[in-house]
Amino acid sequence: MEIQNVADAGFRKYGKVLKGYDCTRLIKEMEHTPLPEDVIYVPSVEELEALEIAEEFKNRAYGGLPIQIGYCNGNNHALNALEYHRSSEINVAVTDLILLIGAQQDISEDFQYDTAKVEAFKVPAGTAIEVYATTLHYAPCNAVEKGFQCVVVLPKDTNTDLTFELKGEDDDPLLTAKNKWLLAHPDAKIDGAVNGLVGENVTL
C-alpha cells in the first residue's frame, strides 16, 4: 500500500494540517504516558487538559465547546476497525505514525465498507491535524519500530460508555460509545461491534 503524507493534496478530503498551535509542552507531557506492546487509549488526561493549549483547542478548534484531551499509544500494524464521530478529531503526532483512513460516504446502507478503499497517510512527529467528522479512522499504525504516541482531542465525553438506549434506526447499530460509530473487521473479534469491514484486514 502506498503511504502518502498528510501534507499531500490527497489528504484534503479527509482533514487538514493545523497551523499556529504550539504543541511543545503537550508533546513534552506525553513523555509520562505508557507505550505498551499492544494499544492503549485514554479519552481524558487531567495533566494534558491543564496545559494552556487546551483552552486554545477548545476555542479555536471547537468554537468554545467543552473538550477532552487524551492519547492513543502503542504498537499496531493492522486496520482492525474504522470509526467516525459527529465532530472533527484533532491528532497531535508525538512520534511519526500512520493513519489508515476512509470516507463515511462509502459505507453502504447495510453497513458494509470495502477495505480496498482505505488509504494510508504518514503524520510526521510534531504535526497537528484535524480529521474531519466524515473520515473513517481508528488506532494509528507504527511508522517506526518502537511504536507510536498520539494525542487525541475530541468533544467532552466522546468514546465514553453509553448511558442511554437507541431505537435501532439509521446508524444506531454502529454506536458503541458516546459519539463513536464503529465498523469492525471479523478478524479483529471486537465484542459488540458490527463486522462491516469487507475484504482484507489491511496491514502495514
N, C-alpha and C. Protein backbone atom coordinates (compact mmCIF):
# COMPACT_ATOMS: atom_id res chain seq x y z
N MET A 1 0.84 -1.20 0.00
CA MET A 1 0.00 0.00 0.00
C MET A 1 0.87 1.25 0.00
N GLU A 2 0.53 2.19 -0.86
CA GLU A 2 1.26 3.46 -0.90
C GLU A 2 0.98 4.26 0.37
N ILE A 3 2.02 4.77 0.99
CA ILE A 3 1.87 5.60 2.17
C ILE A 3 2.09 7.05 1.77
N GLN A 4 1.02 7.82 1.82
CA GLN A 4 1.08 9.24 1.48
C GLN A 4 1.42 10.05 2.74
N ASN A 5 1.46 11.36 2.58
CA ASN A 5 1.76 12.25 3.70
C ASN A 5 0.58 13.19 3.90
N VAL A 6 0.30 13.55 5.15
CA VAL A 6 -0.83 14.44 5.40
C VAL A 6 -0.64 15.81 4.77
N ALA A 7 0.60 16.12 4.36
CA ALA A 7 0.84 17.38 3.66
C ALA A 7 0.46 17.29 2.18
N ASP A 8 0.19 16.08 1.69
CA ASP A 8 -0.16 15.89 0.28
C ASP A 8 -1.60 16.32 0.01
N ALA A 9 -1.87 16.64 -1.24
CA ALA A 9 -3.22 17.07 -1.63
C ALA A 9 -4.26 15.99 -1.38
N GLY A 10 -3.87 14.72 -1.43
CA GLY A 10 -4.80 13.62 -1.24
C GLY A 10 -5.44 13.58 0.13
N PHE A 11 -4.85 14.27 1.10
CA PHE A 11 -5.39 14.26 2.46
C PHE A 11 -6.51 15.28 2.64
N ARG A 12 -6.66 16.20 1.71
CA ARG A 12 -7.57 17.33 1.91
C ARG A 12 -9.03 16.92 2.06
N LYS A 13 -9.42 15.81 1.47
CA LYS A 13 -10.81 15.38 1.62
C LYS A 13 -11.06 14.71 2.97
N TYR A 14 -9.99 14.37 3.66
CA TYR A 14 -10.10 13.69 4.96
C TYR A 14 -9.85 14.62 6.15
N GLY A 15 -9.07 15.67 5.94
CA GLY A 15 -8.71 16.55 7.03
C GLY A 15 -7.72 17.59 6.59
N LYS A 16 -7.06 18.22 7.55
CA LYS A 16 -6.07 19.24 7.21
C LYS A 16 -5.00 19.33 8.29
N VAL A 17 -3.84 19.82 7.90
CA VAL A 17 -2.77 20.10 8.86
C VAL A 17 -3.07 21.43 9.52
N LEU A 18 -3.02 21.46 10.85
CA LEU A 18 -3.32 22.66 11.61
C LEU A 18 -2.08 23.53 11.76
N LYS A 19 -2.28 24.82 11.68
CA LYS A 19 -1.20 25.79 11.82
C LYS A 19 -1.43 26.66 13.05
N GLY A 20 -0.35 27.16 13.61
CA GLY A 20 -0.46 28.15 14.67
C GLY A 20 -0.66 27.61 16.06
N TYR A 21 -0.56 26.30 16.24
CA TYR A 21 -0.66 25.71 17.57
C TYR A 21 0.75 25.31 18.04
N ASP A 22 1.15 25.78 19.20
CA ASP A 22 2.44 25.40 19.77
C ASP A 22 2.23 24.18 20.68
N CYS A 23 2.59 23.02 20.17
CA CYS A 23 2.34 21.76 20.89
C CYS A 23 3.55 21.28 21.68
N THR A 24 4.53 22.15 21.88
CA THR A 24 5.79 21.74 22.52
C THR A 24 5.55 21.15 23.92
N ARG A 25 4.81 21.86 24.76
CA ARG A 25 4.58 21.39 26.14
C ARG A 25 3.68 20.16 26.15
N LEU A 26 2.73 20.13 25.24
CA LEU A 26 1.84 18.97 25.13
C LEU A 26 2.63 17.71 24.80
N ILE A 27 3.51 17.82 23.83
CA ILE A 27 4.34 16.68 23.44
C ILE A 27 5.29 16.29 24.58
N LYS A 28 5.83 17.28 25.28
CA LYS A 28 6.71 17.00 26.41
C LYS A 28 5.98 16.24 27.51
N GLU A 29 4.74 16.63 27.79
CA GLU A 29 3.94 15.97 28.83
C GLU A 29 3.64 14.52 28.47
N MET A 30 3.60 14.21 27.19
CA MET A 30 3.32 12.86 26.73
C MET A 30 4.44 11.88 27.05
N GLU A 31 5.60 12.41 27.48
CA GLU A 31 6.71 11.54 27.89
C GLU A 31 6.32 10.70 29.11
N HIS A 32 5.31 11.14 29.84
CA HIS A 32 4.90 10.43 31.06
C HIS A 32 3.84 9.37 30.79
N THR A 33 3.45 9.21 29.54
CA THR A 33 2.40 8.23 29.21
C THR A 33 3.04 6.91 28.76
N PRO A 34 2.36 5.79 28.98
CA PRO A 34 2.94 4.47 28.66
C PRO A 34 2.97 4.20 27.16
N LEU A 35 3.86 3.32 26.77
CA LEU A 35 3.96 2.86 25.38
C LEU A 35 3.95 1.33 25.40
N PRO A 36 2.76 0.73 25.45
CA PRO A 36 2.66 -0.72 25.61
C PRO A 36 2.92 -1.48 24.31
N GLU A 37 3.02 -2.79 24.43
CA GLU A 37 3.23 -3.65 23.26
C GLU A 37 1.97 -3.73 22.40
N ASP A 38 0.79 -3.52 23.00
CA ASP A 38 -0.45 -3.51 22.23
C ASP A 38 -0.89 -2.05 22.07
N VAL A 39 -2.17 -1.73 22.21
CA VAL A 39 -2.64 -0.36 22.05
C VAL A 39 -3.45 0.05 23.27
N ILE A 40 -3.19 1.24 23.76
CA ILE A 40 -3.97 1.80 24.87
C ILE A 40 -4.56 3.12 24.42
N TYR A 41 -5.83 3.34 24.78
CA TYR A 41 -6.48 4.62 24.51
C TYR A 41 -7.08 5.14 25.81
N VAL A 42 -6.76 6.37 26.15
CA VAL A 42 -7.29 7.04 27.34
C VAL A 42 -7.97 8.32 26.86
N PRO A 43 -9.29 8.45 27.02
CA PRO A 43 -10.00 9.60 26.46
C PRO A 43 -9.63 10.95 27.08
N SER A 44 -9.37 10.95 28.39
CA SER A 44 -9.21 12.23 29.09
C SER A 44 -8.09 12.12 30.12
N VAL A 45 -7.12 13.05 30.04
CA VAL A 45 -5.99 13.06 30.97
C VAL A 45 -5.88 14.45 31.57
N GLU A 46 -6.01 14.54 32.86
CA GLU A 46 -6.05 15.83 33.55
C GLU A 46 -4.81 16.66 33.29
N GLU A 47 -3.64 16.01 33.28
CA GLU A 47 -2.39 16.75 33.09
C GLU A 47 -2.31 17.39 31.70
N LEU A 48 -2.87 16.73 30.70
CA LEU A 48 -2.88 17.29 29.35
C LEU A 48 -3.90 18.41 29.24
N GLU A 49 -5.03 18.23 29.88
CA GLU A 49 -6.11 19.22 29.82
C GLU A 49 -5.80 20.47 30.63
N ALA A 50 -4.79 20.40 31.51
CA ALA A 50 -4.40 21.56 32.33
C ALA A 50 -3.45 22.49 31.59
N LEU A 51 -2.94 22.06 30.45
CA LEU A 51 -1.99 22.88 29.70
C LEU A 51 -2.71 24.03 29.00
N GLU A 52 -1.99 25.12 28.76
CA GLU A 52 -2.58 26.30 28.12
C GLU A 52 -3.18 25.99 26.76
N ILE A 53 -2.56 25.07 26.04
CA ILE A 53 -3.04 24.77 24.69
C ILE A 53 -4.44 24.16 24.70
N ALA A 54 -4.85 23.61 25.83
CA ALA A 54 -6.19 23.03 25.91
C ALA A 54 -7.26 24.10 25.67
N GLU A 55 -7.06 25.26 26.25
CA GLU A 55 -8.00 26.37 26.05
C GLU A 55 -8.00 26.83 24.60
N GLU A 56 -6.82 26.77 23.99
CA GLU A 56 -6.71 27.16 22.58
C GLU A 56 -7.44 26.18 21.68
N PHE A 57 -7.28 24.89 21.94
CA PHE A 57 -8.03 23.88 21.17
C PHE A 57 -9.53 24.08 21.37
N LYS A 58 -9.93 24.30 22.61
CA LYS A 58 -11.34 24.49 22.91
C LYS A 58 -11.93 25.64 22.11
N ASN A 59 -11.25 26.77 22.10
CA ASN A 59 -11.80 27.97 21.48
C ASN A 59 -11.58 28.02 19.97
N ARG A 60 -10.38 27.72 19.53
CA ARG A 60 -10.08 27.85 18.10
C ARG A 60 -10.60 26.67 17.29
N ALA A 61 -10.42 25.46 17.82
CA ALA A 61 -10.77 24.27 17.03
C ALA A 61 -12.22 23.85 17.21
N TYR A 62 -12.80 24.10 18.39
CA TYR A 62 -14.15 23.64 18.66
C TYR A 62 -15.13 24.77 18.99
N GLY A 63 -14.73 26.01 18.74
CA GLY A 63 -15.63 27.14 18.88
C GLY A 63 -16.16 27.35 20.27
N GLY A 64 -15.38 26.95 21.28
CA GLY A 64 -15.78 27.17 22.66
C GLY A 64 -16.47 26.00 23.33
N LEU A 65 -16.68 24.89 22.60
CA LEU A 65 -17.32 23.72 23.20
C LEU A 65 -16.38 23.01 24.17
N PRO A 66 -16.91 22.34 25.19
CA PRO A 66 -16.06 21.57 26.10
C PRO A 66 -15.35 20.45 25.36
N ILE A 67 -14.09 20.22 25.70
CA ILE A 67 -13.31 19.20 25.04
C ILE A 67 -12.65 18.28 26.05
N GLN A 68 -12.08 17.21 25.54
CA GLN A 68 -11.23 16.33 26.34
C GLN A 68 -9.93 16.11 25.56
N ILE A 69 -8.85 15.92 26.29
CA ILE A 69 -7.56 15.62 25.66
C ILE A 69 -7.04 14.33 26.27
N GLY A 70 -6.80 13.35 25.44
CA GLY A 70 -6.26 12.08 25.88
C GLY A 70 -5.18 11.61 24.93
N TYR A 71 -4.98 10.30 24.87
CA TYR A 71 -3.93 9.79 23.98
C TYR A 71 -4.24 8.37 23.53
N CYS A 72 -3.61 8.01 22.43
CA CYS A 72 -3.60 6.63 21.94
C CYS A 72 -2.15 6.27 21.67
N ASN A 73 -1.64 5.31 22.41
CA ASN A 73 -0.23 4.89 22.30
C ASN A 73 -0.14 3.39 22.07
N GLY A 74 0.99 2.95 21.54
CA GLY A 74 1.23 1.51 21.47
C GLY A 74 1.92 1.06 20.21
N ASN A 75 1.62 -0.19 19.87
CA ASN A 75 2.17 -0.82 18.68
C ASN A 75 1.03 -1.46 17.90
N ASN A 76 0.92 -1.12 16.63
CA ASN A 76 -0.18 -1.63 15.82
C ASN A 76 0.24 -1.66 14.36
N HIS A 77 -0.18 -2.70 13.66
CA HIS A 77 0.15 -2.83 12.24
C HIS A 77 -1.06 -3.17 11.39
N ALA A 78 -2.26 -3.21 11.98
CA ALA A 78 -3.45 -3.67 11.25
C ALA A 78 -4.58 -2.66 11.35
N LEU A 79 -5.47 -2.70 10.37
CA LEU A 79 -6.64 -1.83 10.34
C LEU A 79 -7.61 -2.16 11.49
N ASN A 80 -8.09 -3.38 11.53
CA ASN A 80 -8.97 -3.95 12.58
C ASN A 80 -10.37 -3.35 12.63
N ALA A 81 -10.51 -2.06 12.52
CA ALA A 81 -11.82 -1.41 12.60
C ALA A 81 -11.71 0.00 12.04
N LEU A 82 -12.88 0.61 11.82
CA LEU A 82 -12.95 2.02 11.43
C LEU A 82 -14.10 2.66 12.20
N GLU A 83 -13.88 3.86 12.68
CA GLU A 83 -14.91 4.57 13.42
C GLU A 83 -15.09 5.97 12.86
N TYR A 84 -16.20 6.59 13.23
CA TYR A 84 -16.39 8.00 12.92
C TYR A 84 -17.14 8.66 14.06
N HIS A 85 -17.09 9.99 14.10
CA HIS A 85 -17.75 10.78 15.12
C HIS A 85 -18.69 11.78 14.44
N ARG A 86 -19.45 12.52 15.20
CA ARG A 86 -20.25 13.62 14.67
C ARG A 86 -19.49 14.93 14.78
N SER A 87 -18.20 14.83 14.94
CA SER A 87 -17.35 16.00 15.12
C SER A 87 -15.94 15.67 14.63
N SER A 88 -15.20 16.72 14.32
CA SER A 88 -13.80 16.52 13.96
C SER A 88 -13.00 16.02 15.16
N GLU A 89 -11.91 15.33 14.86
CA GLU A 89 -10.95 14.89 15.88
C GLU A 89 -9.62 15.53 15.58
N ILE A 90 -8.93 15.99 16.60
CA ILE A 90 -7.58 16.53 16.43
C ILE A 90 -6.58 15.50 16.92
N ASN A 91 -5.58 15.23 16.11
CA ASN A 91 -4.47 14.35 16.48
C ASN A 91 -3.19 15.16 16.47
N VAL A 92 -2.37 14.97 17.49
CA VAL A 92 -1.03 15.53 17.51
C VAL A 92 -0.06 14.36 17.57
N ALA A 93 0.74 14.21 16.54
CA ALA A 93 1.68 13.09 16.46
C ALA A 93 2.90 13.39 17.34
N VAL A 94 3.05 12.62 18.40
CA VAL A 94 4.22 12.74 19.27
C VAL A 94 5.41 12.05 18.61
N THR A 95 5.14 10.92 17.97
CA THR A 95 6.11 10.21 17.15
C THR A 95 5.56 10.18 15.72
N ASP A 96 6.39 9.82 14.77
CA ASP A 96 5.86 9.50 13.44
C ASP A 96 4.81 8.41 13.59
N LEU A 97 3.73 8.50 12.84
CA LEU A 97 2.72 7.46 12.85
C LEU A 97 2.00 7.44 11.52
N ILE A 98 1.24 6.37 11.29
CA ILE A 98 0.50 6.21 10.04
C ILE A 98 -0.98 6.02 10.35
N LEU A 99 -1.83 6.78 9.67
CA LEU A 99 -3.27 6.63 9.81
C LEU A 99 -3.83 5.89 8.60
N LEU A 100 -4.67 4.90 8.85
CA LEU A 100 -5.43 4.22 7.80
C LEU A 100 -6.84 4.82 7.83
N ILE A 101 -7.25 5.47 6.75
CA ILE A 101 -8.49 6.22 6.78
C ILE A 101 -9.32 6.01 5.52
N GLY A 102 -10.60 6.34 5.62
CA GLY A 102 -11.54 6.23 4.51
C GLY A 102 -12.64 7.25 4.67
N ALA A 103 -13.68 7.12 3.87
CA ALA A 103 -14.78 8.09 3.86
C ALA A 103 -16.07 7.44 4.33
N GLN A 104 -16.75 8.09 5.24
CA GLN A 104 -18.03 7.59 5.75
C GLN A 104 -19.04 7.40 4.62
N GLN A 105 -18.95 8.23 3.59
CA GLN A 105 -19.88 8.17 2.46
C GLN A 105 -19.80 6.85 1.71
N ASP A 106 -18.72 6.10 1.90
CA ASP A 106 -18.55 4.82 1.20
C ASP A 106 -19.12 3.64 1.98
N ILE A 107 -19.70 3.89 3.14
CA ILE A 107 -20.40 2.82 3.87
C ILE A 107 -21.75 2.59 3.21
N SER A 108 -22.06 1.34 2.90
CA SER A 108 -23.33 1.02 2.25
C SER A 108 -24.48 1.11 3.25
N GLU A 109 -25.71 1.07 2.73
CA GLU A 109 -26.88 1.18 3.60
C GLU A 109 -27.00 0.02 4.58
N ASP A 110 -26.40 -1.13 4.23
CA ASP A 110 -26.42 -2.27 5.14
C ASP A 110 -25.11 -2.39 5.94
N PHE A 111 -24.42 -1.25 6.08
CA PHE A 111 -23.24 -1.13 6.96
C PHE A 111 -22.07 -2.00 6.50
N GLN A 112 -21.81 -1.99 5.20
CA GLN A 112 -20.64 -2.67 4.66
C GLN A 112 -19.66 -1.62 4.12
N TYR A 113 -18.38 -1.89 4.32
CA TYR A 113 -17.35 -0.99 3.80
C TYR A 113 -16.22 -1.84 3.24
N ASP A 114 -15.84 -1.57 2.00
CA ASP A 114 -14.78 -2.31 1.31
C ASP A 114 -13.43 -1.75 1.73
N THR A 115 -12.62 -2.57 2.37
CA THR A 115 -11.33 -2.09 2.88
C THR A 115 -10.35 -1.74 1.78
N ALA A 116 -10.65 -2.11 0.53
CA ALA A 116 -9.79 -1.72 -0.59
C ALA A 116 -9.80 -0.20 -0.79
N LYS A 117 -10.78 0.46 -0.22
CA LYS A 117 -10.88 1.92 -0.34
C LYS A 117 -10.02 2.65 0.68
N VAL A 118 -9.46 1.95 1.63
CA VAL A 118 -8.66 2.58 2.68
C VAL A 118 -7.37 3.17 2.10
N GLU A 119 -7.01 4.35 2.60
CA GLU A 119 -5.75 4.98 2.22
C GLU A 119 -4.88 5.17 3.46
N ALA A 120 -3.57 5.21 3.25
CA ALA A 120 -2.62 5.35 4.35
C ALA A 120 -1.90 6.69 4.25
N PHE A 121 -1.81 7.38 5.39
CA PHE A 121 -1.13 8.67 5.44
C PHE A 121 -0.19 8.73 6.63
N LYS A 122 1.03 9.15 6.38
CA LYS A 122 2.00 9.36 7.46
C LYS A 122 1.78 10.73 8.08
N VAL A 123 1.81 10.75 9.42
CA VAL A 123 1.75 12.00 10.17
C VAL A 123 3.11 12.17 10.85
N PRO A 124 3.93 13.10 10.39
CA PRO A 124 5.26 13.26 10.99
C PRO A 124 5.18 13.75 12.43
N ALA A 125 6.14 13.35 13.24
CA ALA A 125 6.20 13.77 14.63
C ALA A 125 6.13 15.29 14.73
N GLY A 126 5.33 15.77 15.70
CA GLY A 126 5.18 17.20 15.91
C GLY A 126 4.07 17.85 15.11
N THR A 127 3.40 17.07 14.24
CA THR A 127 2.35 17.60 13.39
C THR A 127 0.99 17.48 14.07
N ALA A 128 0.21 18.55 14.00
CA ALA A 128 -1.18 18.54 14.48
C ALA A 128 -2.11 18.54 13.28
N ILE A 129 -3.09 17.65 13.29
CA ILE A 129 -4.02 17.57 12.18
C ILE A 129 -5.46 17.55 12.68
N GLU A 130 -6.36 18.02 11.84
CA GLU A 130 -7.78 17.84 12.07
C GLU A 130 -8.26 16.72 11.17
N VAL A 131 -8.94 15.74 11.75
CA VAL A 131 -9.56 14.65 10.99
C VAL A 131 -11.05 14.92 10.97
N TYR A 132 -11.60 15.13 9.78
CA TYR A 132 -12.99 15.55 9.67
C TYR A 132 -13.96 14.49 10.20
N ALA A 133 -15.15 14.93 10.59
CA ALA A 133 -16.15 14.04 11.17
C ALA A 133 -16.52 12.88 10.25
N THR A 134 -16.49 13.11 8.95
CA THR A 134 -16.88 12.07 7.99
C THR A 134 -15.72 11.16 7.60
N THR A 135 -14.58 11.34 8.24
CA THR A 135 -13.41 10.50 7.94
C THR A 135 -13.38 9.28 8.85
N LEU A 136 -13.36 8.11 8.24
CA LEU A 136 -13.22 6.85 8.99
C LEU A 136 -11.79 6.69 9.44
N HIS A 137 -11.59 6.30 10.67
CA HIS A 137 -10.25 6.17 11.22
C HIS A 137 -10.30 5.21 12.41
N TYR A 138 -9.14 4.85 12.92
CA TYR A 138 -9.06 4.03 14.13
C TYR A 138 -7.68 4.22 14.72
N ALA A 139 -7.19 3.27 15.47
CA ALA A 139 -5.87 3.41 16.10
C ALA A 139 -4.79 3.56 15.04
N PRO A 140 -3.83 4.46 15.26
CA PRO A 140 -2.72 4.60 14.31
C PRO A 140 -1.91 3.32 14.17
N CYS A 141 -1.10 3.28 13.14
CA CYS A 141 -0.14 2.18 12.94
C CYS A 141 1.28 2.72 13.11
N ASN A 142 2.18 1.81 13.43
CA ASN A 142 3.58 2.17 13.60
C ASN A 142 4.16 2.73 12.30
N ALA A 143 4.91 3.81 12.43
CA ALA A 143 5.74 4.30 11.33
C ALA A 143 7.20 3.96 11.59
N VAL A 144 7.47 3.68 12.88
CA VAL A 144 8.82 3.27 13.29
C VAL A 144 8.68 2.05 14.18
N GLU A 145 9.76 1.32 14.35
CA GLU A 145 9.72 0.04 15.06
C GLU A 145 9.32 0.20 16.52
N LYS A 146 9.67 1.32 17.15
CA LYS A 146 9.47 1.47 18.59
C LYS A 146 8.02 1.74 18.98
N GLY A 147 7.11 1.95 18.02
CA GLY A 147 5.72 2.19 18.34
C GLY A 147 5.30 3.62 18.04
N PHE A 148 4.10 3.99 18.49
CA PHE A 148 3.58 5.32 18.21
C PHE A 148 2.98 5.93 19.48
N GLN A 149 2.95 7.26 19.51
CA GLN A 149 2.27 8.02 20.55
C GLN A 149 1.50 9.15 19.88
N CYS A 150 0.22 9.29 20.24
CA CYS A 150 -0.64 10.26 19.56
C CYS A 150 -1.58 10.92 20.56
N VAL A 151 -1.58 12.24 20.60
CA VAL A 151 -2.55 12.99 21.40
C VAL A 151 -3.88 13.01 20.64
N VAL A 152 -4.98 12.82 21.37
CA VAL A 152 -6.31 12.79 20.76
C VAL A 152 -7.20 13.82 21.45
N VAL A 153 -7.69 14.79 20.67
CA VAL A 153 -8.57 15.83 21.19
C VAL A 153 -9.96 15.65 20.57
N LEU A 154 -10.97 15.62 21.41
CA LEU A 154 -12.34 15.41 20.96
C LEU A 154 -13.31 16.17 21.86
N PRO A 155 -14.57 16.34 21.45
CA PRO A 155 -15.56 16.91 22.35
C PRO A 155 -15.69 16.07 23.62
N LYS A 156 -15.95 16.73 24.73
CA LYS A 156 -16.01 16.07 26.03
C LYS A 156 -16.97 14.88 26.03
N ASP A 157 -16.54 13.78 26.65
CA ASP A 157 -17.29 12.53 26.83
C ASP A 157 -17.29 11.62 25.61
N THR A 158 -16.66 12.02 24.51
CA THR A 158 -16.55 11.14 23.35
C THR A 158 -15.80 9.87 23.74
N ASN A 159 -16.26 8.73 23.22
CA ASN A 159 -15.63 7.42 23.45
C ASN A 159 -15.80 6.92 24.89
N THR A 160 -16.70 7.52 25.65
CA THR A 160 -17.00 7.00 26.98
C THR A 160 -18.25 6.12 26.92
N ASP A 161 -18.53 5.41 27.98
CA ASP A 161 -19.62 4.43 27.99
C ASP A 161 -20.98 5.07 27.70
N LEU A 162 -21.81 4.34 26.95
CA LEU A 162 -23.16 4.79 26.68
C LEU A 162 -24.00 4.76 27.96
N THR A 163 -24.84 5.76 28.12
CA THR A 163 -25.72 5.83 29.29
C THR A 163 -27.18 5.93 28.87
N PHE A 164 -27.48 5.50 27.63
CA PHE A 164 -28.83 5.62 27.08
C PHE A 164 -29.04 4.51 26.07
N GLU A 165 -30.27 4.29 25.69
CA GLU A 165 -30.62 3.29 24.67
C GLU A 165 -31.15 3.99 23.43
N LEU A 166 -30.99 3.32 22.28
CA LEU A 166 -31.42 3.88 21.00
C LEU A 166 -32.53 3.02 20.38
N LYS A 167 -33.15 3.54 19.34
CA LYS A 167 -34.25 2.84 18.68
C LYS A 167 -33.77 1.77 17.71
N GLY A 168 -32.52 1.84 17.29
CA GLY A 168 -32.02 0.89 16.31
C GLY A 168 -32.22 1.35 14.88
N GLU A 169 -32.51 2.62 14.68
CA GLU A 169 -32.73 3.17 13.35
C GLU A 169 -31.48 3.87 12.83
N ASP A 170 -31.48 4.16 11.51
CA ASP A 170 -30.34 4.83 10.87
C ASP A 170 -29.05 4.07 11.20
N ASP A 171 -28.02 4.77 11.71
CA ASP A 171 -26.78 4.08 12.05
C ASP A 171 -26.67 3.76 13.54
N ASP A 172 -27.81 3.71 14.23
CA ASP A 172 -27.80 3.35 15.65
C ASP A 172 -27.04 2.07 15.96
N PRO A 173 -27.15 1.01 15.11
CA PRO A 173 -26.45 -0.24 15.45
C PRO A 173 -24.93 -0.10 15.55
N LEU A 174 -24.39 0.97 14.97
CA LEU A 174 -22.94 1.15 14.96
C LEU A 174 -22.42 1.89 16.19
N LEU A 175 -23.33 2.46 16.99
CA LEU A 175 -22.90 3.27 18.13
C LEU A 175 -22.44 2.36 19.26
N THR A 176 -21.15 2.39 19.55
CA THR A 176 -20.57 1.53 20.59
C THR A 176 -20.13 2.31 21.82
N ALA A 177 -20.07 3.63 21.72
CA ALA A 177 -19.74 4.51 22.85
C ALA A 177 -20.27 5.89 22.49
N LYS A 178 -20.23 6.80 23.42
CA LYS A 178 -20.73 8.14 23.13
C LYS A 178 -19.95 8.76 21.97
N ASN A 179 -20.69 9.24 20.97
CA ASN A 179 -20.09 9.90 19.81
C ASN A 179 -19.11 8.99 19.07
N LYS A 180 -19.35 7.68 19.08
CA LYS A 180 -18.45 6.73 18.42
C LYS A 180 -19.26 5.67 17.68
N TRP A 181 -19.23 5.75 16.35
CA TRP A 181 -19.88 4.76 15.49
C TRP A 181 -18.78 3.90 14.88
N LEU A 182 -18.89 2.58 15.01
CA LEU A 182 -17.78 1.68 14.73
C LEU A 182 -18.17 0.55 13.79
N LEU A 183 -17.30 0.29 12.82
CA LEU A 183 -17.37 -0.90 11.96
C LEU A 183 -16.11 -1.71 12.19
N ALA A 184 -16.25 -2.99 12.49
CA ALA A 184 -15.09 -3.84 12.77
C ALA A 184 -14.82 -4.81 11.64
N HIS A 185 -13.59 -5.29 11.58
CA HIS A 185 -13.25 -6.40 10.70
C HIS A 185 -13.43 -7.70 11.48
N PRO A 186 -14.00 -8.74 10.85
CA PRO A 186 -14.22 -10.00 11.58
C PRO A 186 -12.95 -10.55 12.24
N ASP A 187 -11.79 -10.34 11.60
CA ASP A 187 -10.54 -10.85 12.15
C ASP A 187 -10.19 -10.22 13.50
N ALA A 188 -10.70 -9.01 13.74
CA ALA A 188 -10.35 -8.30 14.97
C ALA A 188 -11.12 -8.81 16.18
N LYS A 189 -12.25 -9.47 15.94
CA LYS A 189 -13.06 -10.05 17.02
C LYS A 189 -13.35 -9.04 18.13
N ILE A 190 -13.94 -7.91 17.75
CA ILE A 190 -14.30 -6.87 18.70
C ILE A 190 -15.71 -7.12 19.21
N ASP A 191 -15.84 -7.41 20.49
CA ASP A 191 -17.13 -7.74 21.09
C ASP A 191 -18.13 -6.59 20.92
N GLY A 192 -19.33 -6.92 20.48
CA GLY A 192 -20.40 -5.95 20.38
C GLY A 192 -20.38 -5.07 19.16
N ALA A 193 -19.36 -5.23 18.31
CA ALA A 193 -19.24 -4.39 17.13
C ALA A 193 -19.88 -5.05 15.92
N VAL A 194 -20.37 -4.23 14.99
CA VAL A 194 -20.88 -4.72 13.72
C VAL A 194 -19.68 -5.03 12.81
N ASN A 195 -19.61 -6.27 12.33
CA ASN A 195 -18.49 -6.67 11.46
C ASN A 195 -18.79 -6.27 10.03
N GLY A 196 -18.62 -4.98 9.74
CA GLY A 196 -18.98 -4.45 8.44
C GLY A 196 -17.82 -4.23 7.50
N LEU A 197 -16.58 -4.44 7.94
CA LEU A 197 -15.44 -4.26 7.05
C LEU A 197 -15.27 -5.51 6.20
N VAL A 198 -15.37 -5.32 4.89
CA VAL A 198 -15.34 -6.43 3.93
C VAL A 198 -14.04 -6.37 3.15
N GLY A 199 -13.35 -7.50 3.06
CA GLY A 199 -12.08 -7.54 2.35
C GLY A 199 -10.94 -7.78 3.31
N GLU A 200 -9.75 -7.43 2.86
CA GLU A 200 -8.54 -7.66 3.65
C GLU A 200 -8.51 -6.78 4.90
N ASN A 201 -8.07 -7.35 6.01
CA ASN A 201 -7.77 -6.55 7.18
C ASN A 201 -6.39 -5.93 6.94
N VAL A 202 -6.39 -4.74 6.39
CA VAL A 202 -5.17 -4.11 5.87
C VAL A 202 -4.08 -4.09 6.93
N THR A 203 -2.87 -4.47 6.55
CA THR A 203 -1.73 -4.44 7.47
C THR A 203 -0.58 -3.68 6.84
N LEU A 204 0.25 -3.12 7.68
CA LEU A 204 1.44 -2.39 7.22
C LEU A 204 2.69 -3.01 7.82
